[in-house]
C-alpha atoms as a PDB file:
ATOM      1  CA  UNK A   1      10.943 -11.123   0.055  1.00  0.00           C
ATOM      2  CA  UNK A   2       8.595 -11.782   3.162  1.00  0.00           C
ATOM      3  CA  UNK A   3       6.491  -8.753   2.522  1.00  0.00           C
ATOM      4  CA  UNK A   4       5.992  -9.835  -0.456  1.00  0.00           C
ATOM      5  CA  UNK A   5       2.301 -11.558  -0.741  1.00  0.00           C
ATOM      6  CA  UNK A   6       0.255 -12.278  -4.366  1.00  0.00           C
ATOM      7  CA  UNK A   7      -3.117 -12.741  -2.381  1.00  0.00           C
ATOM      8  CA  UNK A   8      -2.471  -9.060   0.048  1.00  0.00           C
ATOM      9  CA  UNK A   9      -1.612  -7.818  -3.423  1.00  0.00           C
ATOM     10  CA  UNK A  10      -4.723  -9.144  -4.949  1.00  0.00           C
ATOM     11  CA  UNK A  11      -7.180  -7.542  -2.349  1.00  0.00           C
ATOM     12  CA  UNK A  12      -5.506  -4.233  -2.103  1.00  0.00           C
ATOM     13  CA  UNK A  13      -5.882  -4.180  -5.800  1.00  0.00           C
ATOM     14  CA  UNK A  14      -9.430  -5.519  -6.044  1.00  0.00           C
ATOM     15  CA  UNK A  15     -10.189  -2.874  -2.723  1.00  0.00           C
ATOM     16  CA  UNK A  16      -8.875   0.544  -5.497  1.00  0.00           C
ATOM     17  CA  UNK A  17     -10.408  -0.849  -8.045  1.00  0.00           C
ATOM     18  CA  UNK A  18     -12.101   1.663  -9.902  1.00  0.00           C
ATOM     19  CA  UNK A  19      -9.506   4.661  -8.638  1.00  0.00           C
ATOM     20  CA  UNK A  20      -7.751   6.524 -11.408  1.00  0.00           C
ATOM     21  CA  UNK A  21      -3.714   7.062 -11.650  1.00  0.00           C
ATOM     22  CA  UNK A  22      -4.378  10.459 -10.629  1.00  0.00           C
ATOM     23  CA  UNK A  23      -5.912   9.436  -7.433  1.00  0.00           C
ATOM     24  CA  UNK A  24      -4.232   6.928  -6.512  1.00  0.00           C
ATOM     25  CA  UNK A  25      -0.216   8.941  -6.726  1.00  0.00           C
ATOM     26  CA  UNK A  26      -1.860  12.593  -5.901  1.00  0.00           C
ATOM     27  CA  UNK A  27      -4.808  11.874  -3.508  1.00  0.00           C
ATOM     28  CA  UNK A  28      -3.636   9.590  -0.985  1.00  0.00           C
ATOM     29  CA  UNK A  29      -7.079  10.162   1.379  1.00  0.00           C
ATOM     30  CA  UNK A  30      -8.467   8.629  -1.193  1.00  0.00           C
ATOM     31  CA  UNK A  31      -6.017   5.555  -1.599  1.00  0.00           C
ATOM     32  CA  UNK A  32      -6.040   5.229   2.653  1.00  0.00           C
ATOM     33  CA  UNK A  33     -10.233   5.680   2.942  1.00  0.00           C
ATOM     34  CA  UNK A  34     -10.325   2.618   0.419  1.00  0.00           C
ATOM     35  CA  UNK A  35      -8.099   0.844   2.352  1.00  0.00           C
ATOM     36  CA  UNK A  36     -10.084   1.166   5.566  1.00  0.00           C
ATOM     37  CA  UNK A  37     -13.153  -0.096   4.146  1.00  0.00           C
ATOM     38  CA  UNK A  38     -11.779  -3.217   4.083  1.00  0.00           C
ATOM     39  CA  UNK A  39     -10.198  -4.227   7.595  1.00  0.00           C
ATOM     40  CA  UNK A  40      -9.026  -7.093   7.166  1.00  0.00           C
ATOM     41  CA  UNK A  41      -6.765  -6.182   4.392  1.00  0.00           C
ATOM     42  CA  UNK A  42      -5.551  -2.887   6.190  1.00  0.00           C
ATOM     43  CA  UNK A  43      -4.944  -4.609   9.095  1.00  0.00           C
ATOM     44  CA  UNK A  44      -2.744  -7.583   6.883  1.00  0.00           C
ATOM     45  CA  UNK A  45      -1.592  -4.462   5.744  1.00  0.00           C
ATOM     46  CA  UNK A  46      -0.043  -2.791   8.637  1.00  0.00           C
ATOM     47  CA  UNK A  47       0.841  -5.671  10.276  1.00  0.00           C
ATOM     48  CA  UNK A  48       3.049  -6.465   7.166  1.00  0.00           C
ATOM     49  CA  UNK A  49       6.792  -5.280   7.732  1.00  0.00           C
ATOM     50  CA  UNK A  50       8.160  -4.850   5.065  1.00  0.00           C
ATOM     51  CA  UNK A  51       5.149  -2.823   3.579  1.00  0.00           C
ATOM     52  CA  UNK A  52       5.486  -0.642   5.998  1.00  0.00           C
ATOM     53  CA  UNK A  53       9.287  -0.018   5.268  1.00  0.00           C
ATOM     54  CA  UNK A  54       8.505   0.286   1.618  1.00  0.00           C
ATOM     55  CA  UNK A  55       6.182   3.038   3.130  1.00  0.00           C
ATOM     56  CA  UNK A  56       7.925   5.088   5.476  1.00  0.00           C
ATOM     57  CA  UNK A  57      11.200   4.966   2.123  1.00  0.00           C
ATOM     58  CA  UNK A  58       8.297   6.347  -0.057  1.00  0.00           C
ATOM     59  CA  UNK A  59       7.524   8.899   2.828  1.00  0.00           C
ATOM     60  CA  UNK A  60      10.860  10.364   3.505  1.00  0.00           C
ATOM     61  CA  UNK A  61      11.745  10.192  -0.012  1.00  0.00           C
ATOM     62  CA  UNK A  62      14.398   7.270   0.690  1.00  0.00           C
ATOM     63  CA  UNK A  63      13.218   4.123  -1.636  1.00  0.00           C
ATOM     64  CA  UNK A  64      15.502   5.556  -3.916  1.00  0.00           C
ATOM     65  CA  UNK A  65      18.255   4.804  -2.626  1.00  0.00           C
ATOM     66  CA  UNK A  66      18.111   1.865  -1.232  1.00  0.00           C
ATOM     67  CA  UNK A  67      19.229  -1.909  -2.805  1.00  0.00           C
ATOM     68  CA  UNK A  68      15.351  -2.867  -2.237  1.00  0.00           C
END
């Protein structure tokens, strides 16, 4: 899949290091602030169409009804 980028995943994981599961699942503002502290990671996420589609699908709760 074109949106799977191991380097990007590693960079996102590094940017989110130290956050709790509760932060990640229930406090999206905390996650967004962390990502924005790393402008290159934020830019690469926004430029990645597959990531944007997954975010949209998750936000609209349609992710579970599609064939990822």
